[in-house]
């Protein structure tokens, strides 16, 4: 199985590690640590030294309760980092749902669009009086018009500001499979080859703790949809919920202290067929993957 991206054809017969580069002041785990262009690029280099196969750069937090930022602010955060990261010789992914951001980074040569809204977000350009001055632009349109970029379609219930206020109900796995398959096939109908598409069940995005772990336990049902799976368990609160206790949950298991649980979750996801794991702790994840590889 391969993932076709702008500049790279990624062989997914061996799992890949996607290192997270948050160019944000408010991400749930490492917000503010790499908010400047210099700090973000230094972090890119460190993740590559640690063994990352892909870098995922994001300029807007999608943590539960996060407020959206303007297009201009996101572009100001992301573009300076992307301009230099693109020279590092590895696939560069940009984590954004805004079509104009997608368009701008693809123009710079970015390899992958990683979208929490699964290309459903549409932008309408208006004048100062609020009148529409251009046709609406969707993420699906931007990706479909690009000749070769890779794309990751993620499932999210509701939106970041409200997703954990009222999580999903019912059979989470069947709903996630149906949603992702529907979007992926719609994208194929727009002319995007299947080998450009990866799906992500969206751990923590509008789901309960039990639902998140059900997605892991039944990951084979996601695999049966016929697309490679990217999964992001790294430092998610569901890990703290099972690794901590009710009384010490918040105090004892912050972002960095969730590292061990995060690595275990990544290994379990790979054992169950995930092709890409999106992680903060690249070095530790690579060590665990080498151990897993040794027994295969």
Protein backbone atom coordinates (compact mmCIF):
# COMPACT_ATOMS: atom_id res chain seq x y z
CA UNK A 1 0.00 0.00 0.00
CA UNK A 2 1.34 3.43 -0.96
CA UNK A 3 0.39 7.05 -0.27
CA UNK A 4 0.87 9.33 -3.25
CA UNK A 5 1.71 12.91 -2.24
CA UNK A 6 2.97 16.02 -4.04
CA UNK A 7 6.68 15.12 -4.03
CA UNK A 8 6.86 11.69 -2.38
CA UNK A 9 5.39 8.23 -2.91
CA UNK A 10 5.26 6.84 0.62
CA UNK A 11 5.54 3.08 1.07
CA UNK A 12 3.07 2.21 3.83
CA UNK A 13 4.03 -1.45 4.07
CA UNK A 14 6.06 -0.24 7.03
CA UNK A 15 4.31 2.21 9.40
CA UNK A 16 5.26 5.88 9.31
CA UNK A 17 5.58 8.43 12.12
CA UNK A 18 4.15 11.92 11.61
CA UNK A 19 5.72 14.46 13.96
CA UNK A 20 3.49 17.26 15.26
CA UNK A 21 4.62 20.88 14.84
CA UNK A 22 2.12 23.20 16.53
CA UNK A 23 2.75 26.83 15.55
CA UNK A 24 0.15 27.95 18.06
CA UNK A 25 -0.03 29.63 21.47
CA UNK A 26 -2.92 27.49 22.73
CA UNK A 27 -2.70 23.85 21.61
CA UNK A 28 -3.76 21.48 24.39
CA UNK A 29 -0.36 19.89 24.98
CA UNK A 30 2.49 22.07 23.72
CA UNK A 31 0.84 25.39 22.91
CA UNK A 32 3.32 28.25 22.81
CA UNK A 33 6.43 26.05 22.82
CA UNK A 34 7.01 26.42 19.07
CA UNK A 35 4.90 29.49 18.29
CA UNK A 36 7.67 31.49 16.62
CA UNK A 37 9.02 30.60 13.18
CA UNK A 38 12.51 29.99 14.55
CA UNK A 39 11.29 27.74 17.36
CA UNK A 40 9.00 25.83 15.00
CA UNK A 41 11.81 25.15 12.53
CA UNK A 42 14.14 24.06 15.33
CA UNK A 43 11.43 21.65 16.44
CA UNK A 44 11.10 20.35 12.87
CA UNK A 45 14.80 19.56 12.82
CA UNK A 46 14.64 17.84 16.20
CA UNK A 47 11.71 15.66 15.12
CA UNK A 48 13.64 14.62 12.04
CA UNK A 49 16.68 13.76 14.14
CA UNK A 50 14.37 11.67 16.35
CA UNK A 51 13.21 9.72 13.30
CA UNK A 52 10.01 11.37 12.02
CA UNK A 53 9.01 10.36 8.50
CA UNK A 54 6.53 13.23 7.99
CA UNK A 55 6.14 16.68 9.57
CA UNK A 56 2.63 18.00 10.25
CA UNK A 57 2.51 21.79 10.67
CA UNK A 58 -0.56 23.44 12.14
CA UNK A 59 -1.38 27.06 12.93
CA UNK A 60 -4.78 26.75 14.63
CA UNK A 61 -5.57 24.77 17.76
CA UNK A 62 -8.32 22.15 17.49
CA UNK A 63 -8.38 21.28 21.19
CA UNK A 64 -11.85 20.96 22.77
CA UNK A 65 -13.31 24.43 23.30
CA UNK A 66 -10.83 26.15 20.96
CA UNK A 67 -12.07 29.29 19.21
CA UNK A 68 -11.39 29.69 15.48
CA UNK A 69 -8.81 32.19 14.27
CA UNK A 70 -8.88 34.36 11.17
CA UNK A 71 -7.51 33.30 7.82
CA UNK A 72 -4.91 36.08 7.99
CA UNK A 73 -3.66 34.98 11.41
CA UNK A 74 -3.33 31.35 10.37
CA UNK A 75 -1.45 32.26 7.20
CA UNK A 76 0.90 34.50 9.18
CA UNK A 77 1.75 31.62 11.52
CA UNK A 78 2.05 28.82 8.97
CA UNK A 79 3.54 30.22 5.76
CA UNK A 80 6.95 31.31 7.14
CA UNK A 81 7.46 27.86 8.68
CA UNK A 82 6.33 26.01 5.56
CA UNK A 83 8.66 28.02 3.29
CA UNK A 84 11.70 26.66 5.12
CA UNK A 85 10.32 23.26 6.17
CA UNK A 86 9.69 22.38 2.55
CA UNK A 87 13.48 22.38 2.07
CA UNK A 88 14.10 19.67 4.69
CA UNK A 89 13.70 16.78 2.26
CA UNK A 90 10.75 15.04 3.90
CA UNK A 91 7.00 15.08 3.25
CA UNK A 92 5.39 18.19 4.73
CA UNK A 93 1.77 18.09 5.83
CA UNK A 94 -0.29 21.11 6.83
CA UNK A 95 -3.08 20.70 9.35
CA UNK A 96 -5.80 23.11 8.23
CA UNK A 97 -9.48 23.13 7.26
CA UNK A 98 -9.46 26.52 5.52
CA UNK A 99 -9.44 26.25 1.69
CA UNK A 100 -7.40 29.45 1.28
CA UNK A 101 -4.72 28.09 3.61
CA UNK A 102 -4.69 24.82 1.68
CA UNK A 103 -4.33 26.71 -1.58
CA UNK A 104 -1.48 28.86 -0.25
CA UNK A 105 0.58 25.99 1.17
CA UNK A 106 0.05 23.79 -1.88
CA UNK A 107 1.36 26.67 -3.99
CA UNK A 108 4.53 26.47 -1.88
CA UNK A 109 4.87 22.74 -2.62
CA UNK A 110 3.33 21.13 0.48
CA UNK A 111 2.82 17.37 0.13
CA UNK A 112 -0.23 16.62 2.29
CA UNK A 113 -3.38 18.37 3.47
CA UNK A 114 -4.51 17.08 6.88
CA UNK A 115 -8.07 18.30 7.49
CA UNK A 116 -10.09 17.81 10.68
CA UNK A 117 -13.24 18.81 8.76
CA UNK A 118 -12.58 16.28 5.97
CA UNK A 119 -12.75 18.97 3.26
CA UNK A 120 -16.29 20.07 4.22
CA UNK A 121 -15.42 23.67 5.13
CA UNK A 122 -16.49 26.26 2.56
CA UNK A 123 -15.31 29.87 2.36
CA UNK A 124 -17.40 32.61 0.82
CA UNK A 125 -15.67 35.85 -0.12
CA UNK A 126 -17.70 39.00 0.63
CA UNK A 127 -17.15 42.73 0.32
CA UNK A 128 -17.25 45.27 3.17
CA UNK A 129 -21.05 45.33 2.96
CA UNK A 130 -21.37 41.58 3.29
CA UNK A 131 -22.25 40.87 -0.33
CA UNK A 132 -20.77 37.80 -1.94
CA UNK A 133 -18.10 38.79 -4.48
CA UNK A 134 -16.80 35.36 -5.51
CA UNK A 135 -17.95 31.77 -5.73
CA UNK A 136 -17.64 29.73 -2.55
CA UNK A 137 -14.39 27.75 -2.25
CA UNK A 138 -14.30 24.35 -0.56
CA UNK A 139 -11.44 22.20 0.64
CA UNK A 140 -12.64 19.42 -1.63
CA UNK A 141 -12.35 21.75 -4.61
CA UNK A 142 -8.81 22.80 -3.68
CA UNK A 143 -7.59 19.22 -3.26
CA UNK A 144 -9.40 17.96 -6.36
CA UNK A 145 -7.84 20.68 -8.49
CA UNK A 146 -4.32 19.80 -7.33
CA UNK A 147 -2.68 17.14 -9.51
CA UNK A 148 -1.02 15.02 -6.85
CA UNK A 149 -1.20 16.15 -3.20
CA UNK A 150 -1.99 13.62 -0.50
CA UNK A 151 -4.93 14.20 1.82
CA UNK A 152 -5.97 12.92 5.24
CA UNK A 153 -9.72 13.00 5.90
CA UNK A 154 -10.59 13.04 9.60
CA UNK A 155 -13.89 12.38 11.33
CA UNK A 156 -15.01 15.06 13.78
CA UNK A 157 -18.38 15.27 15.51
CA UNK A 158 -19.63 18.88 15.60
CA UNK A 159 -16.72 21.38 15.83
CA UNK A 160 -13.84 22.06 18.29
CA UNK A 161 -15.72 24.61 20.38
CA UNK A 162 -18.64 22.24 21.01
CA UNK A 163 -17.50 18.70 20.17
CA UNK A 164 -17.00 17.53 23.77
CA UNK A 165 -20.07 19.34 25.10
CA UNK A 166 -22.32 16.86 23.34
CA UNK A 167 -20.31 13.83 22.15
CA UNK A 168 -21.54 11.25 19.66
CA UNK A 169 -24.24 8.75 20.45
CA UNK A 170 -24.85 5.27 19.09
CA UNK A 171 -22.42 2.93 17.34
CA UNK A 172 -19.36 5.13 16.87
CA UNK A 173 -17.46 2.76 14.58
CA UNK A 174 -20.20 2.31 11.99
CA UNK A 175 -20.88 6.06 11.94
CA UNK A 176 -17.20 6.94 11.50
CA UNK A 177 -16.78 4.33 8.75
CA UNK A 178 -19.84 5.57 6.88
CA UNK A 179 -18.80 9.22 7.10
CA UNK A 180 -15.19 8.72 6.01
CA UNK A 181 -16.07 6.35 3.19
CA UNK A 182 -18.71 8.77 1.87
CA UNK A 183 -16.28 11.71 1.81
CA UNK A 184 -13.44 9.65 0.32
CA UNK A 185 -15.61 8.33 -2.49
CA UNK A 186 -16.97 11.81 -3.21
CA UNK A 187 -13.37 12.98 -3.54
CA UNK A 188 -12.60 10.11 -5.91
CA UNK A 189 -15.58 11.14 -8.00
CA UNK A 190 -13.93 14.56 -8.31
CA UNK A 191 -10.96 12.87 -9.97
CA UNK A 192 -8.65 12.27 -6.98
CA UNK A 193 -6.93 8.90 -7.17
CA UNK A 194 -7.60 6.56 -4.27
CA UNK A 195 -3.86 6.25 -3.55
CA UNK A 196 -3.83 9.92 -2.49
CA UNK A 197 -6.37 9.38 0.32
CA UNK A 198 -5.81 8.40 3.96
CA UNK A 199 -8.52 8.33 6.65
CA UNK A 200 -8.36 9.26 10.35
CA UNK A 201 -11.06 8.20 12.87
CA UNK A 202 -10.53 11.40 14.87
CA UNK A 203 -9.67 10.16 18.34
CA UNK A 204 -10.96 12.69 20.89
CA UNK A 205 -12.94 14.75 18.39
CA UNK A 206 -16.48 14.62 19.77
CA UNK A 207 -16.22 11.13 21.24
CA UNK A 208 -16.40 9.69 24.74
CA UNK A 209 -13.50 7.83 26.32
CA UNK A 210 -15.27 4.52 25.70
CA UNK A 211 -15.95 5.42 22.07
CA UNK A 212 -12.30 6.31 21.47
CA UNK A 213 -11.15 2.93 22.73
CA UNK A 214 -13.89 1.18 20.79
CA UNK A 215 -12.43 2.74 17.63
CA UNK A 216 -9.08 1.19 18.56
CA UNK A 217 -10.55 -2.20 19.45
CA UNK A 218 -12.51 -2.34 16.18
CA UNK A 219 -9.94 -0.70 13.96
CA UNK A 220 -10.19 -3.64 11.56
CA UNK A 221 -13.60 -2.32 10.51
CA UNK A 222 -11.97 0.95 9.49
CA UNK A 223 -9.31 -0.96 7.57
CA UNK A 224 -12.05 -2.82 5.72
CA UNK A 225 -13.07 0.45 4.06
CA UNK A 226 -9.99 0.10 1.85
CA UNK A 227 -7.98 3.21 2.79
CA UNK A 228 -4.78 3.52 4.84
CA UNK A 229 -5.40 4.72 8.39
CA UNK A 230 -3.70 7.62 10.15
CA UNK A 231 -4.39 7.81 13.87
CA UNK A 232 -3.57 10.41 16.52
CA UNK A 233 -3.67 9.16 20.09
CA UNK A 234 -0.77 11.32 21.25
CA UNK A 235 -1.35 12.88 24.70
CA UNK A 236 -5.14 12.67 24.37
CA UNK A 237 -7.23 13.05 27.51
CA UNK A 238 -8.74 9.58 27.02
CA UNK A 239 -5.33 8.14 27.84
CA UNK A 240 -5.24 10.11 31.09
CA UNK A 241 -8.76 8.92 31.87
CA UNK A 242 -7.67 5.28 31.88
CA UNK A 243 -4.09 5.73 33.15
CA UNK A 244 -4.92 8.11 36.02
CA UNK A 245 -7.50 8.16 38.78
CA UNK A 246 -10.56 10.31 39.07
CA UNK A 247 -9.06 12.42 41.87
CA UNK A 248 -5.61 12.95 40.32
CA UNK A 249 -6.50 13.00 36.65
CA UNK A 250 -5.88 16.66 35.89
CA UNK A 251 -2.95 17.15 38.23
CA UNK A 252 -0.99 13.98 37.58
CA UNK A 253 -1.32 13.39 33.86
CA UNK A 254 -0.58 16.52 31.91
CA UNK A 255 0.56 16.51 28.26
CA UNK A 256 4.18 15.40 28.75
CA UNK A 257 3.28 12.89 31.46
CA UNK A 258 0.98 11.11 29.00
CA UNK A 259 3.97 10.07 26.92
CA UNK A 260 4.11 6.41 28.01
CA UNK A 261 0.40 5.90 27.46
CA UNK A 262 0.67 7.67 24.11
CA UNK A 263 3.45 5.38 22.91
CA UNK A 264 1.51 2.29 23.98
CA UNK A 265 -1.58 3.51 22.14
CA UNK A 266 0.48 4.18 19.00
CA UNK A 267 1.93 0.65 19.09
CA UNK A 268 -1.51 -0.89 19.59
CA UNK A 269 -2.85 1.12 16.66
CA UNK A 270 0.02 -0.08 14.45
CA UNK A 271 -0.53 -3.68 15.57
CA UNK A 272 -4.14 -3.28 14.46
CA UNK A 273 -3.16 -2.04 11.04
CA UNK A 274 -2.63 1.74 11.23
CA UNK A 275 -0.21 2.98 8.57
CA UNK A 276 0.66 6.36 10.11
CA UNK A 277 0.73 7.52 13.72
CA UNK A 278 0.66 11.26 14.45
CA UNK A 279 2.70 11.91 17.60
CA UNK A 280 4.39 14.51 19.78
CA UNK A 281 7.00 12.10 21.19
CA UNK A 282 8.75 10.89 18.04
CA UNK A 283 11.91 9.46 19.61
CA UNK A 284 10.06 7.31 22.14
CA UNK A 285 7.54 6.15 19.53
CA UNK A 286 10.35 5.15 17.17
CA UNK A 287 11.99 3.09 19.93
CA UNK A 288 8.74 1.25 20.57
CA UNK A 289 8.20 0.63 16.87
CA UNK A 290 11.68 -0.90 16.57
CA UNK A 291 10.81 -3.34 19.35
CA UNK A 292 7.53 -4.17 17.62
CA UNK A 293 9.39 -4.64 14.35
CA UNK A 294 11.87 -7.01 15.94
CA UNK A 295 9.18 -9.57 16.79
CA UNK A 296 7.79 -9.46 13.26
